[in-house]
PDB file of N, CA and C in Angstrom:
ATOM      1  N   MET A   1      -5.210   4.249   8.411  1.00  0.00           N
ATOM      2  CA  MET A   1      -4.880   5.643   8.175  1.00  0.00           C
ATOM      3  C   MET A   1      -5.981   6.249   7.313  1.00  0.00           C
ATOM      4  N   SER A   2      -6.433   7.435   7.668  1.00  0.00           N
ATOM      5  CA  SER A   2      -7.497   8.059   6.890  1.00  0.00           C
ATOM      6  C   SER A   2      -6.959   8.577   5.569  1.00  0.00           C
ATOM      7  N   ASP A   3      -7.855   8.695   4.590  1.00  0.00           N
ATOM      8  CA  ASP A   3      -7.449   9.118   3.254  1.00  0.00           C
ATOM      9  C   ASP A   3      -6.955  10.557   3.209  1.00  0.00           C
ATOM     10  N   ASP A   4      -7.459  11.411   4.125  1.00  0.00           N
ATOM     11  CA  ASP A   4      -7.080  12.820   4.073  1.00  0.00           C
ATOM     12  C   ASP A   4      -5.790  13.102   4.845  1.00  0.00           C
ATOM     13  N   CYS A   5      -5.143  12.076   5.308  1.00  0.00           N
ATOM     14  CA  CYS A   5      -3.915  12.242   6.075  1.00  0.00           C
ATOM     15  C   CYS A   5      -2.728  12.362   5.131  1.00  0.00           C
ATOM     16  N   SER A   6      -2.226  13.567   4.986  1.00  0.00           N
ATOM     17  CA  SER A   6      -1.129  13.796   4.045  1.00  0.00           C
ATOM     18  C   SER A   6       0.107  14.294   4.779  1.00  0.00           C
ATOM     19  N   ILE A   7       0.458  13.600   5.847  1.00  0.00           N
ATOM     20  CA  ILE A   7       1.639  13.997   6.600  1.00  0.00           C
ATOM     21  C   ILE A   7       2.729  12.951   6.409  1.00  0.00           C
ATOM     22  N   SER A   8       3.956  13.375   6.650  1.00  0.00           N
ATOM     23  CA  SER A   8       5.099  12.476   6.470  1.00  0.00           C
ATOM     24  C   SER A   8       5.190  11.483   7.628  1.00  0.00           C
ATOM     25  N   THR A   9       6.012  10.490   7.444  1.00  0.00           N
ATOM     26  CA  THR A   9       6.225   9.486   8.488  1.00  0.00           C
ATOM     27  C   THR A   9       6.793  10.118   9.753  1.00  0.00           C
ATOM     28  N   ILE A  10       7.738  11.022   9.606  1.00  0.00           N
ATOM     29  CA  ILE A  10       8.326  11.664  10.790  1.00  0.00           C
ATOM     30  C   ILE A  10       7.291  12.527  11.514  1.00  0.00           C
ATOM     31  N   GLU A  11       6.412  13.195  10.764  1.00  0.00           N
ATOM     32  CA  GLU A  11       5.350  13.990  11.389  1.00  0.00           C
ATOM     33  C   GLU A  11       4.372  13.079  12.124  1.00  0.00           C
ATOM     34  N   ARG A  12       4.041  11.947  11.533  1.00  0.00           N
ATOM     35  CA  ARG A  12       3.141  10.981  12.172  1.00  0.00           C
ATOM     36  C   ARG A  12       3.793  10.423  13.445  1.00  0.00           C
ATOM     37  N   ASP A  13       5.092  10.113  13.372  1.00  0.00           N
ATOM     38  CA  ASP A  13       5.816   9.625  14.552  1.00  0.00           C
ATOM     39  C   ASP A  13       5.836  10.678  15.661  1.00  0.00           C
ATOM     40  N   LEU A  14       6.035  11.933  15.280  1.00  0.00           N
ATOM     41  CA  LEU A  14       6.025  13.012  16.267  1.00  0.00           C
ATOM     42  C   LEU A  14       4.657  13.108  16.940  1.00  0.00           C
ATOM     43  N   LEU A  15       3.595  13.036  16.157  1.00  0.00           N
ATOM     44  CA  LEU A  15       2.248  13.074  16.735  1.00  0.00           C
ATOM     45  C   LEU A  15       2.044  11.950  17.741  1.00  0.00           C
ATOM     46  N   CYS A  16       2.517  10.767  17.409  1.00  0.00           N
ATOM     47  CA  CYS A  16       2.391   9.630  18.332  1.00  0.00           C
ATOM     48  C   CYS A  16       3.130   9.914  19.638  1.00  0.00           C
ATOM     49  N   CYS A  17       4.299  10.516  19.546  1.00  0.00           N
ATOM     50  CA  CYS A  17       5.063  10.861  20.748  1.00  0.00           C
ATOM     51  C   CYS A  17       4.362  11.938  21.570  1.00  0.00           C
ATOM     52  N   LEU A  18       3.637  12.813  20.913  1.00  0.00           N
ATOM     53  CA  LEU A  18       2.975  13.919  21.610  1.00  0.00           C
ATOM     54  C   LEU A  18       1.600  13.551  22.151  1.00  0.00           C
ATOM     55  N   GLU A  19       1.144  12.327  21.911  1.00  0.00           N
ATOM     56  CA  GLU A  19      -0.182  11.921  22.392  1.00  0.00           C
ATOM     57  C   GLU A  19      -0.328  12.062  23.902  1.00  0.00           C
ATOM     58  N   ASP A  20       0.769  11.889  24.645  1.00  0.00           N
ATOM     59  CA  ASP A  20       0.688  11.923  26.102  1.00  0.00           C
ATOM     60  C   ASP A  20       1.233  13.219  26.715  1.00  0.00           C
ATOM     61  N   ILE A  21       1.348  14.270  25.910  1.00  0.00           N
ATOM     62  CA  ILE A  21       1.810  15.563  26.423  1.00  0.00           C
ATOM     63  C   ILE A  21       0.622  16.325  27.005  1.00  0.00           C
ATOM     64  N   ASP A  22       0.876  17.126  28.043  1.00  0.00           N
ATOM     65  CA  ASP A  22      -0.170  17.986  28.591  1.00  0.00           C
ATOM     66  C   ASP A  22      -0.460  19.091  27.585  1.00  0.00           C
ATOM     67  N   GLU A  23      -1.741  19.334  27.351  1.00  0.00           N
ATOM     68  CA  GLU A  23      -2.145  20.343  26.372  1.00  0.00           C
ATOM     69  C   GLU A  23      -2.787  21.530  27.069  1.00  0.00           C
ATOM     70  N   PRO A  24      -2.697  22.717  26.488  1.00  0.00           N
ATOM     71  CA  PRO A  24      -1.923  23.051  25.297  1.00  0.00           C
ATOM     72  C   PRO A  24      -0.438  23.087  25.641  1.00  0.00           C
ATOM     73  N   PHE A  25       0.400  23.006  24.615  1.00  0.00           N
ATOM     74  CA  PHE A  25       1.839  22.961  24.830  1.00  0.00           C
ATOM     75  C   PHE A  25       2.552  23.929  23.897  1.00  0.00           C
ATOM     76  N   THR A  26       3.743  24.319  24.304  1.00  0.00           N
ATOM     77  CA  THR A  26       4.590  25.207  23.506  1.00  0.00           C
ATOM     78  C   THR A  26       5.660  24.374  22.795  1.00  0.00           C
ATOM     79  N   VAL A  27       6.419  25.016  21.929  1.00  0.00           N
ATOM     80  CA  VAL A  27       7.555  24.347  21.285  1.00  0.00           C
ATOM     81  C   VAL A  27       8.525  23.859  22.364  1.00  0.00           C
ATOM     82  N   LYS A  28       8.780  24.702  23.350  1.00  0.00           N
ATOM     83  CA  LYS A  28       9.685  24.332  24.448  1.00  0.00           C
ATOM     84  C   LYS A  28       9.159  23.109  25.196  1.00  0.00           C
ATOM     85  N   ASP A  29       7.852  23.073  25.448  1.00  0.00           N
ATOM     86  CA  ASP A  29       7.246  21.914  26.110  1.00  0.00           C
ATOM     87  C   ASP A  29       7.426  20.647  25.282  1.00  0.00           C
ATOM     88  N   ALA A  30       7.226  20.757  23.972  1.00  0.00           N
ATOM     89  CA  ALA A  30       7.355  19.595  23.084  1.00  0.00           C
ATOM     90  C   ALA A  30       8.786  19.068  23.093  1.00  0.00           C
ATOM     91  N   LEU A  31       9.756  19.971  23.053  1.00  0.00           N
ATOM     92  CA  LEU A  31      11.161  19.559  23.092  1.00  0.00           C
ATOM     93  C   LEU A  31      11.487  18.847  24.404  1.00  0.00           C
ATOM     94  N   ALA A  32      11.023  19.400  25.521  1.00  0.00           N
ATOM     95  CA  ALA A  32      11.274  18.783  26.827  1.00  0.00           C
ATOM     96  C   ALA A  32      10.578  17.427  26.929  1.00  0.00           C
ATOM     97  N   HIS A  33       9.377  17.336  26.399  1.00  0.00           N
ATOM     98  CA  HIS A  33       8.618  16.082  26.428  1.00  0.00           C
ATOM     99  C   HIS A  33       9.357  14.987  25.663  1.00  0.00           C
ATOM    100  N   LEU A  34       9.841  15.319  24.483  1.00  0.00           N
ATOM    101  CA  LEU A  34      10.597  14.332  23.703  1.00  0.00           C
ATOM    102  C   LEU A  34      11.872  13.924  24.434  1.00  0.00           C
ATOM    103  N   ARG A  35      12.560  14.891  24.982  1.00  0.00           N
ATOM    104  CA  ARG A  35      13.814  14.610  25.691  1.00  0.00           C
ATOM    105  C   ARG A  35      13.560  13.726  26.921  1.00  0.00           C
ATOM    106  N   ASP A  36      12.467  13.986  27.639  1.00  0.00           N
ATOM    107  CA  ASP A  36      12.184  13.266  28.883  1.00  0.00           C
ATOM    108  C   ASP A  36      11.517  11.909  28.675  1.00  0.00           C
ATOM    109  N   ARG A  37      10.658  11.795  27.663  1.00  0.00           N
ATOM    110  CA  ARG A  37       9.841  10.584  27.531  1.00  0.00           C
ATOM    111  C   ARG A  37      10.013   9.810  26.231  1.00  0.00           C
ATOM    112  N   HIS A  38      10.636  10.421  25.241  1.00  0.00           N
ATOM    113  CA  HIS A  38      10.739   9.769  23.929  1.00  0.00           C
ATOM    114  C   HIS A  38      12.138   9.956  23.349  1.00  0.00           C
ATOM    115  N   GLU A  39      13.120   9.587  24.140  1.00  0.00           N
ATOM    116  CA  GLU A  39      14.515   9.736  23.734  1.00  0.00           C
ATOM    117  C   GLU A  39      14.818   8.979  22.441  1.00  0.00           C
ATOM    118  N   GLU A  40      14.124   7.864  22.224  1.00  0.00           N
ATOM    119  CA  GLU A  40      14.337   7.071  21.003  1.00  0.00           C
ATOM    120  C   GLU A  40      13.962   7.858  19.751  1.00  0.00           C
ATOM    121  N   PHE A  41      12.970   8.725  19.850  1.00  0.00           N
ATOM    122  CA  PHE A  41      12.582   9.561  18.714  1.00  0.00           C
ATOM    123  C   PHE A  41      13.724  10.519  18.366  1.00  0.00           C
ATOM    124  N   ILE A  42      14.294  11.135  19.379  1.00  0.00           N
ATOM    125  CA  ILE A  42      15.407  12.062  19.158  1.00  0.00           C
ATOM    126  C   ILE A  42      16.631  11.318  18.633  1.00  0.00           C
ATOM    127  N   ASP A  43      16.846  10.099  19.103  1.00  0.00           N
ATOM    128  CA  ASP A  43      17.971   9.302  18.598  1.00  0.00           C
ATOM    129  C   ASP A  43      17.809   9.002  17.111  1.00  0.00           C
ATOM    130  N   ARG A  44      16.570   8.737  16.686  1.00  0.00           N
ATOM    131  CA  ARG A  44      16.300   8.436  15.272  1.00  0.00           C
ATOM    132  C   ARG A  44      16.277   9.692  14.410  1.00  0.00           C
ATOM    133  N   HIS A  45      15.810  10.784  14.973  1.00  0.00           N
ATOM    134  CA  HIS A  45      15.621  12.031  14.221  1.00  0.00           C
ATOM    135  C   HIS A  45      16.366  13.148  14.953  1.00  0.00           C
ATOM    136  N   ARG A  46      17.635  13.251  14.724  1.00  0.00           N
ATOM    137  CA  ARG A  46      18.488  14.188  15.472  1.00  0.00           C
ATOM    138  C   ARG A  46      18.046  15.647  15.335  1.00  0.00           C
ATOM    139  N   SER A  47      17.443  15.997  14.219  1.00  0.00           N
ATOM    140  CA  SER A  47      16.963  17.375  14.033  1.00  0.00           C
ATOM    141  C   SER A  47      15.890  17.728  15.050  1.00  0.00           C
ATOM    142  N   ALA A  48      15.204  16.731  15.584  1.00  0.00           N
ATOM    143  CA  ALA A  48      14.093  16.957  16.512  1.00  0.00           C
ATOM    144  C   ALA A  48      14.534  17.600  17.822  1.00  0.00           C
ATOM    145  N   ARG A  49      15.804  17.641  18.090  1.00  0.00           N
ATOM    146  CA  ARG A  49      16.275  18.262  19.329  1.00  0.00           C
ATOM    147  C   ARG A  49      16.383  19.784  19.195  1.00  0.00           C
ATOM    148  N   HIS A  50      16.191  20.309  17.991  1.00  0.00           N
ATOM    149  CA  HIS A  50      16.390  21.739  17.730  1.00  0.00           C
ATOM    150  C   HIS A  50      15.063  22.488  17.619  1.00  0.00           C
ATOM    151  N   ARG A  51      15.008  23.632  18.266  1.00  0.00           N
ATOM    152  CA  ARG A  51      13.798  24.459  18.295  1.00  0.00           C
ATOM    153  C   ARG A  51      13.286  24.839  16.894  1.00  0.00           C
ATOM    154  N   PRO A  52      14.144  25.271  15.958  1.00  0.00           N
ATOM    155  CA  PRO A  52      13.625  25.629  14.630  1.00  0.00           C
ATOM    156  C   PRO A  52      12.940  24.451  13.926  1.00  0.00           C
ATOM    157  N   TRP A  53      13.504  23.256  14.059  1.00  0.00           N
ATOM    158  CA  TRP A  53      12.885  22.076  13.442  1.00  0.00           C
ATOM    159  C   TRP A  53      11.520  21.815  14.059  1.00  0.00           C
ATOM    160  N   MET A  54      11.450  21.870  15.391  1.00  0.00           N
ATOM    161  CA  MET A  54      10.181  21.603  16.081  1.00  0.00           C
ATOM    162  C   MET A  54       9.146  22.651  15.695  1.00  0.00           C
ATOM    163  N   HIS A  55       9.532  23.906  15.669  1.00  0.00           N
ATOM    164  CA  HIS A  55       8.617  24.989  15.300  1.00  0.00           C
ATOM    165  C   HIS A  55       8.052  24.752  13.892  1.00  0.00           C
ATOM    166  N   THR A  56       8.929  24.472  12.952  1.00  0.00           N
ATOM    167  CA  THR A  56       8.511  24.234  11.567  1.00  0.00           C
ATOM    168  C   THR A  56       7.607  23.016  11.464  1.00  0.00           C
ATOM    169  N   THR A  57       7.977  21.939  12.129  1.00  0.00           N
ATOM    170  CA  THR A  57       7.205  20.699  12.036  1.00  0.00           C
ATOM    171  C   THR A  57       5.837  20.846  12.688  1.00  0.00           C
ATOM    172  N   LEU A  58       5.762  21.497  13.834  1.00  0.00           N
ATOM    173  CA  LEU A  58       4.460  21.722  14.467  1.00  0.00           C
ATOM    174  C   LEU A  58       3.573  22.584  13.575  1.00  0.00           C
ATOM    175  N   ASN A  59       4.136  23.602  12.946  1.00  0.00           N
ATOM    176  CA  ASN A  59       3.340  24.442  12.051  1.00  0.00           C
ATOM    177  C   ASN A  59       2.897  23.687  10.800  1.00  0.00           C
ATOM    178  N   GLU A  60       3.711  22.753  10.320  1.00  0.00           N
ATOM    179  CA  GLU A  60       3.287  21.908   9.202  1.00  0.00           C
ATOM    180  C   GLU A  60       2.114  21.027   9.618  1.00  0.00           C
ATOM    181  N   LEU A  61       2.126  20.550  10.856  1.00  0.00           N
ATOM    182  CA  LEU A  61       1.012  19.746  11.363  1.00  0.00           C
ATOM    183  C   LEU A  61      -0.247  20.595  11.546  1.00  0.00           C
ATOM    184  N   VAL A  62      -0.074  21.860  11.881  1.00  0.00           N
ATOM    185  CA  VAL A  62      -1.217  22.783  11.927  1.00  0.00           C
ATOM    186  C   VAL A  62      -1.804  22.926  10.527  1.00  0.00           C
ATOM    187  N   SER A  63      -0.952  23.133   9.536  1.00  0.00           N
ATOM    188  CA  SER A  63      -1.408  23.277   8.146  1.00  0.00           C
ATOM    189  C   SER A  63      -2.121  22.025   7.653  1.00  0.00           C
ATOM    190  N   ALA A  64      -1.688  20.865   8.141  1.00  0.00           N
ATOM    191  CA  ALA A  64      -2.301  19.594   7.741  1.00  0.00           C
ATOM    192  C   ALA A  64      -3.585  19.307   8.518  1.00  0.00           C
ATOM    193  N   GLY A  65      -3.922  20.163   9.488  1.00  0.00           N
ATOM    194  CA  GLY A  65      -5.144  19.982  10.252  1.00  0.00           C
ATOM    195  C   GLY A  65      -5.021  19.015  11.414  1.00  0.00           C
ATOM    196  N   MET A  66      -3.804  18.671  11.785  1.00  0.00           N
ATOM    197  CA  MET A  66      -3.593  17.721  12.873  1.00  0.00           C
ATOM    198  C   MET A  66      -3.448  18.403  14.235  1.00  0.00           C
ATOM    199  N   LEU A  67      -2.999  19.640  14.226  1.00  0.00           N
ATOM    200  CA  LEU A  67      -2.847  20.416  15.454  1.00  0.00           C
ATOM    201  C   LEU A  67      -3.606  21.726  15.324  1.00  0.00           C
ATOM    202  N   SER A  68      -4.005  22.256  16.471  1.00  0.00           N
ATOM    203  CA  SER A  68      -4.537  23.617  16.535  1.00  0.00           C
ATOM    204  C   SER A  68      -3.432  24.502  17.087  1.00  0.00           C
ATOM    205  N   ARG A  69      -3.422  25.738  16.623  1.00  0.00           N
ATOM    206  CA  ARG A  69      -2.416  26.703  17.070  1.00  0.00           C
ATOM    207  C   ARG A  69      -3.147  27.946  17.540  1.00  0.00           C
ATOM    208  N   LEU A  70      -2.795  28.433  18.736  1.00  0.00           N
ATOM    209  CA  LEU A  70      -3.384  29.672  19.213  1.00  0.00           C
ATOM    210  C   LEU A  70      -2.314  30.501  19.898  1.00  0.00           C
ATOM    211  N   GLU A  71      -2.537  31.797  19.885  1.00  0.00           N
ATOM    212  CA  GLU A  71      -1.606  32.709  20.541  1.00  0.00           C
ATOM    213  C   GLU A  71      -2.295  33.266  21.770  1.00  0.00           C
ATOM    214  N   ARG A  72      -1.580  33.173  22.888  1.00  0.00           N
ATOM    215  CA  ARG A  72      -2.119  33.668  24.149  1.00  0.00           C
ATOM    216  C   ARG A  72      -1.005  34.398  24.888  1.00  0.00           C
ATOM    217  N   GLU A  73      -1.206  35.688  25.126  1.00  0.00           N
ATOM    218  CA  GLU A  73      -0.238  36.499  25.864  1.00  0.00           C
ATOM    219  C   GLU A  73       1.176  36.333  25.316  1.00  0.00           C
ATOM    220  N   SER A  74       1.337  36.525  24.048  1.00  0.00           N
ATOM    221  CA  SER A  74       2.607  36.444  23.313  1.00  0.00           C
ATOM    222  C   SER A  74       3.244  35.054  23.330  1.00  0.00           C
ATOM    223  N   ARG A  75       2.461  34.031  23.645  1.00  0.00           N
ATOM    224  CA  ARG A  75       2.931  32.641  23.590  1.00  0.00           C
ATOM    225  C   ARG A  75       2.136  31.906  22.531  1.00  0.00           C
ATOM    226  N   VAL A  76       2.811  31.057  21.782  1.00  0.00           N
ATOM    227  CA  VAL A  76       2.140  30.215  20.798  1.00  0.00           C
ATOM    228  C   VAL A  76       1.924  28.853  21.438  1.00  0.00           C
ATOM    229  N   LEU A  77       0.670  28.417  21.448  1.00  0.00           N
ATOM    230  CA  LEU A  77       0.293  27.144  22.059  1.00  0.00           C
ATOM    231  C   LEU A  77      -0.285  26.217  21.005  1.00  0.00           C
ATOM    232  N   TYR A  78      -0.041  24.935  21.176  1.00  0.00           N
ATOM    233  CA  TYR A  78      -0.533  23.912  20.253  1.00  0.00           C
ATOM    234  C   TYR A  78      -1.364  22.898  21.026  1.00  0.00           C
ATOM    235  N   SER A  79      -2.325  22.298  20.336  1.00  0.00           N
ATOM    236  CA  SER A  79      -3.058  21.159  20.886  1.00  0.00           C
ATOM    237  C   SER A  79      -3.380  20.210  19.743  1.00  0.00           C
ATOM    238  N   ILE A  80      -3.514  18.946  20.081  1.00  0.00           N
ATOM    239  CA  ILE A  80      -3.740  17.916  19.071  1.00  0.00           C
ATOM    240  C   ILE A  80      -5.224  17.849  18.744  1.00  0.00           C
ATOM    241  N   ASP A  81      -5.552  17.974  17.449  1.00  0.00           N
ATOM    242  CA  ASP A  81      -6.934  17.870  16.996  1.00  0.00           C
ATOM    243  C   ASP A  81      -7.334  16.420  16.775  1.00  0.00           C
ATOM    244  N   ARG A  82      -6.477  15.698  16.100  1.00  0.00           N
ATOM    245  CA  ARG A  82      -6.729  14.282  15.841  1.00  0.00           C
ATOM    246  C   ARG A  82      -5.386  13.638  15.526  1.00  0.00           C
ATOM    247  N   VAL A  83      -5.334  12.366  15.678  1.00  0.00           N
ATOM    248  CA  VAL A  83      -4.089  11.654  15.416  1.00  0.00           C
ATOM    249  C   VAL A  83      -4.289  10.755  14.216  1.00  0.00           C
ATOM    250  N   CYS A  84      -3.377  10.835  13.293  1.00  0.00           N
ATOM    251  CA  CYS A  84      -3.424  10.030  12.073  1.00  0.00           C
ATOM    252  C   CYS A  84      -2.541   8.812  12.278  1.00  0.00           C
ATOM    253  N   LEU A  85      -3.144   7.689  12.454  1.00  0.00           N
ATOM    254  CA  LEU A  85      -2.369   6.460  12.688  1.00  0.00           C
ATOM    255  C   LEU A  85      -2.359   5.575  11.477  1.00  0.00           C
TER     256      LEU A  85
END
């Protein structure tokens, strides 16, 4: 793990789950991806099934420099900059 990685365990786990998502992605895409491919994550972190939690967590990852966030045609899109393992 790099020294500048200051994200929580749940944020790191979410990033690992999102490694195989098509980019760029929306909050809705991230929720569907977890539901379809990473059900165990949702089982462990029940809040992850809710849009407000996902929105907040993705924005925290943007603040930590792990995701990029852009707005395109009134849609907010995210992409992974780097993964902190």
